Protein backbone atom coordinates (compact mmCIF):
# COMPACT_ATOMS: atom_id res chain seq x y z
CA MET A 1 12.61 179.47 72.20
CA LEU A 2 15.30 176.89 71.62
CA ASN A 3 14.78 174.55 68.70
CA ARG A 4 13.09 171.48 70.12
CA ARG A 5 15.71 169.27 68.51
CA GLN A 6 18.34 170.78 70.78
CA ILE A 7 19.09 169.47 74.23
CA LEU A 8 18.10 171.84 76.99
CA ALA A 9 20.97 170.99 79.32
CA ALA A 10 20.47 173.93 81.60
CA SER A 11 19.09 174.07 85.14
CA VAL A 12 15.41 173.51 85.85
CA ALA A 13 14.91 177.22 86.42
CA GLY A 14 13.71 177.84 82.86
CA THR A 15 10.15 176.57 83.22
CA ALA A 16 9.94 175.54 86.85
CA GLY A 17 7.51 178.37 87.64
CA MET A 18 4.83 177.21 85.23
CA MET A 19 1.96 175.12 86.51
CA LEU A 20 -0.73 173.05 84.83
CA GLY A 21 -4.29 174.12 85.31
CA THR A 22 -3.52 177.71 86.34
CA THR A 23 -5.17 180.64 84.60
CA ALA A 24 -1.89 181.84 83.12
CA PHE A 25 -1.08 178.58 81.42
CA SER A 26 -4.41 176.82 80.93
CA GLN A 27 -5.31 178.13 77.46
CA ASN A 28 -4.60 175.52 74.80
CA MET A 29 -2.87 173.38 77.39
CA PRO A 30 -3.64 169.69 78.01
CA SER A 31 -5.50 168.92 81.19
CA VAL A 32 -3.84 167.56 84.32
CA ASN A 33 -5.61 164.25 83.69
CA ASP A 34 -4.34 164.08 80.12
CA VAL A 35 -0.75 164.62 81.26
CA LEU A 36 -0.58 162.58 84.45
CA TYR A 37 -3.10 159.80 83.88
CA ASP A 38 -3.02 158.65 80.26
CA PRO A 39 -4.50 155.14 80.65
CA GLU A 40 -2.57 153.76 77.68
CA ILE A 41 0.92 154.57 78.99
CA PRO A 42 2.57 152.20 81.52
CA VAL A 43 3.19 153.50 85.03
CA LEU A 44 6.45 152.78 86.85
CA GLY A 45 7.18 153.26 90.53
CA ASN A 46 4.12 153.15 92.76
CA PRO A 47 0.94 153.24 90.61
CA LYS A 48 -0.98 154.55 93.64
CA GLY A 49 1.63 157.17 94.56
CA ASP A 50 0.60 160.62 95.74
CA VAL A 51 2.93 162.43 93.31
CA THR A 52 3.36 161.80 89.59
CA ILE A 53 6.55 162.47 87.66
CA VAL A 54 6.17 162.61 83.89
CA GLU A 55 9.37 162.62 81.86
CA TYR A 56 9.32 163.62 78.19
CA PHE A 57 12.29 161.79 76.71
CA ASP A 58 13.81 160.36 73.56
CA TYR A 59 15.76 157.10 73.28
CA GLN A 60 18.48 158.98 71.38
CA CYS A 61 18.89 161.66 74.06
CA PRO A 62 22.15 161.05 75.95
CA TYR A 63 21.08 163.26 78.85
CA CYS A 64 17.85 161.28 79.28
CA LYS A 65 19.79 158.04 79.42
CA LYS A 66 22.51 159.40 81.69
CA GLY A 67 19.97 160.60 84.25
CA HIS A 68 17.64 157.61 84.02
CA GLY A 69 19.25 155.56 86.78
CA GLU A 70 19.25 158.50 89.18
CA LEU A 71 15.57 159.15 88.45
CA LEU A 72 14.67 155.53 89.13
CA ASP A 73 16.67 155.59 92.37
CA VAL A 74 14.80 158.66 93.62
CA VAL A 75 11.45 157.10 92.73
CA LYS A 76 12.36 153.82 94.43
CA ARG A 77 13.68 155.44 97.60
CA ASP A 78 10.63 157.66 97.93
CA GLY A 79 8.24 154.75 97.49
CA ASN A 80 5.16 156.89 96.87
CA VAL A 81 5.81 158.32 93.40
CA ARG A 82 4.20 157.36 90.09
CA LEU A 83 6.61 157.58 87.14
CA VAL A 84 5.26 158.00 83.62
CA MET A 85 7.78 157.92 80.77
CA LYS A 86 6.45 159.77 77.71
CA ASP A 87 8.26 159.24 74.42
CA TRP A 88 8.74 162.65 72.83
CA VAL A 89 10.32 161.59 69.55
CA ILE A 90 12.29 164.65 68.50
CA PHE A 91 15.41 163.01 67.02
CA GLY A 92 13.90 161.45 63.94
CA GLU A 93 12.85 158.08 62.59
CA PRO A 94 15.07 155.83 64.76
CA SER A 95 13.46 157.41 67.83
CA THR A 96 9.98 156.67 66.51
CA TYR A 97 11.02 153.11 65.69
CA ALA A 98 12.44 152.61 69.18
CA ALA A 99 9.37 154.06 70.87
CA ASN A 100 7.04 151.91 68.76
CA LEU A 101 8.82 148.69 69.72
CA VAL A 102 9.09 149.51 73.42
CA LEU A 103 5.42 150.48 73.66
CA ALA A 104 4.56 147.31 71.73
CA ALA A 105 6.47 145.31 74.36
CA GLU A 106 3.87 146.41 76.92
CA GLU A 107 1.34 144.20 75.15
CA ASP A 108 3.36 141.19 76.38
CA GLY A 109 4.19 142.69 79.77
CA GLN A 110 7.78 143.45 78.75
CA TYR A 111 7.73 147.25 78.63
CA ILE A 112 10.26 147.75 81.43
CA LYS A 113 12.60 145.14 79.97
CA ALA A 114 12.51 146.78 76.54
CA MET A 115 12.83 150.32 77.89
CA GLU A 116 15.82 149.45 80.06
CA ALA A 117 17.54 147.71 77.15
CA LEU A 118 17.45 150.94 75.16
CA MET A 119 18.20 153.25 78.08
CA LYS A 120 21.52 151.42 78.49
CA THR A 121 22.67 152.50 75.02
CA PRO A 122 25.13 155.42 74.95
CA GLY A 123 23.72 157.95 72.48
CA ARG A 124 22.33 158.28 68.96
CA LEU A 125 20.91 155.12 67.42
CA THR A 126 20.17 153.51 64.08
CA ARG A 127 17.34 151.02 63.57
CA GLU A 128 19.96 148.27 63.53
CA GLN A 129 21.36 149.40 66.88
CA VAL A 130 17.86 149.49 68.35
CA ASP A 131 17.33 145.91 67.20
CA GLU A 132 20.69 144.82 68.59
CA ALA A 133 20.06 146.41 71.98
CA LEU A 134 16.66 144.74 72.23
CA LYS A 135 18.17 141.37 71.29
CA LYS A 136 20.81 141.79 74.00
CA GLY A 137 17.97 142.48 76.41
CA GLY A 138 16.35 139.17 75.52
CA LEU A 139 13.67 140.53 73.20
CA ASP A 140 12.78 139.78 69.58
CA PRO A 141 12.56 143.02 67.54
CA VAL A 142 10.83 141.26 64.64
CA LYS A 143 8.09 140.06 66.96
CA LEU A 144 7.86 143.51 68.57
CA GLU A 145 7.47 145.17 65.19
CA ALA A 146 4.66 142.74 64.33
CA THR A 147 3.01 143.59 67.66
CA TYR A 148 3.38 147.29 66.89
CA LYS A 149 1.65 146.87 63.54
CA LYS A 150 -1.20 145.06 65.26
CA HIS A 151 -1.59 147.90 67.77
CA ALA A 152 -0.43 150.78 65.57
CA LYS A 153 -3.53 152.92 66.10
CA LYS A 154 -3.08 152.84 69.87
CA ILE A 155 0.68 153.39 69.86
CA ASP A 156 0.59 156.11 67.20
CA GLY A 157 -2.07 157.85 69.27
CA ILE A 158 0.17 157.79 72.35
CA LEU A 159 3.06 159.35 70.45
CA GLN A 160 0.81 162.00 68.90
CA ARG A 161 -0.55 162.99 72.32
CA ASN A 162 2.95 163.14 73.78
CA MET A 163 4.17 165.32 70.91
CA ALA A 164 1.20 167.68 71.26
CA GLN A 165 1.84 168.04 74.98
CA GLY A 166 5.56 168.73 74.60
CA ASP A 167 4.77 171.35 71.96
CA ALA A 168 2.02 172.93 74.08
CA PHE A 169 4.41 173.25 77.02
CA ASN A 170 6.99 174.89 74.73
CA PHE A 171 9.67 172.58 76.08
CA GLY A 172 13.07 173.28 74.53
CA GLY A 173 14.17 169.66 74.32
CA THR A 174 14.64 166.44 76.22
CA PRO A 175 14.57 165.64 79.03
CA SER A 176 11.67 167.73 80.30
CA PHE A 177 9.39 166.97 83.21
CA VAL A 178 6.02 167.54 84.79
CA ILE A 179 6.16 166.88 88.53
CA GLY A 180 2.83 167.26 90.25
CA THR A 181 1.48 170.20 88.26
CA ARG A 182 4.76 172.06 87.74
CA LEU A 183 6.76 172.06 84.52
CA TYR A 184 10.53 171.62 84.50
CA GLY A 185 12.62 171.99 81.36
CA GLY A 186 16.04 170.38 81.30
CA VAL A 187 18.20 167.96 83.22
CA MET A 188 17.19 167.32 86.84
CA LYS A 189 19.70 165.98 89.32
CA GLU A 190 18.78 164.01 92.44
CA LYS A 191 18.44 167.08 94.66
CA ASP A 192 16.27 168.81 92.06
CA LEU A 193 13.94 165.82 91.82
CA ILE A 194 13.64 165.49 95.59
CA GLU A 195 12.87 169.20 95.95
CA ALA A 196 10.30 169.08 93.13
CA ILE A 197 8.56 166.11 94.75
CA LYS A 198 8.49 168.00 98.05
CA MET A 199 6.96 171.03 96.33
CA ALA A 200 4.34 168.85 94.63
CA ARG A 201 3.27 167.41 97.99
CA ALA A 202 3.08 170.88 99.49
CA GLY A 203 0.64 171.90 96.75
């Protein structure tokens, strides 16, 4: 197994054969509901879509940020996909800080605005760079941190569940995906995403 702090920048072949809820992979694994339908995590795309994409990502992962626009384009063009972005904070304290503030932004209906502000940054981040990116995006990091503290139990719980899931799936790093009930480790290009969505619909 690759160290989870490394980027798994290979093809999706590594874990694409694994499926949630099957006998081979069900022991000690989170349920399909836990993974796809966590009620405390915002849903992008079409909330009523017939396929769910879950991305495990980190705001300091350059591959996550590089592929983010392409992922959103695929989701938008399809029109019937739910997108759930799960912070898997594997690059240290600045990642936790960033995730806390973005999830806190959801309390004021500004999750997407905050997330996009950080996804536009180029690579590794300090707390100061997180604050600066959020300010450029029209958000107040001091206010967001206060909101986080108010909702810390909820937000900490989200991050703990995400971490437990990423560990259970034995993902090698970020980005990693669950599409439908199949697991995909590593970067996914447009054609990979489209094919995975097609496979999810086929069952």
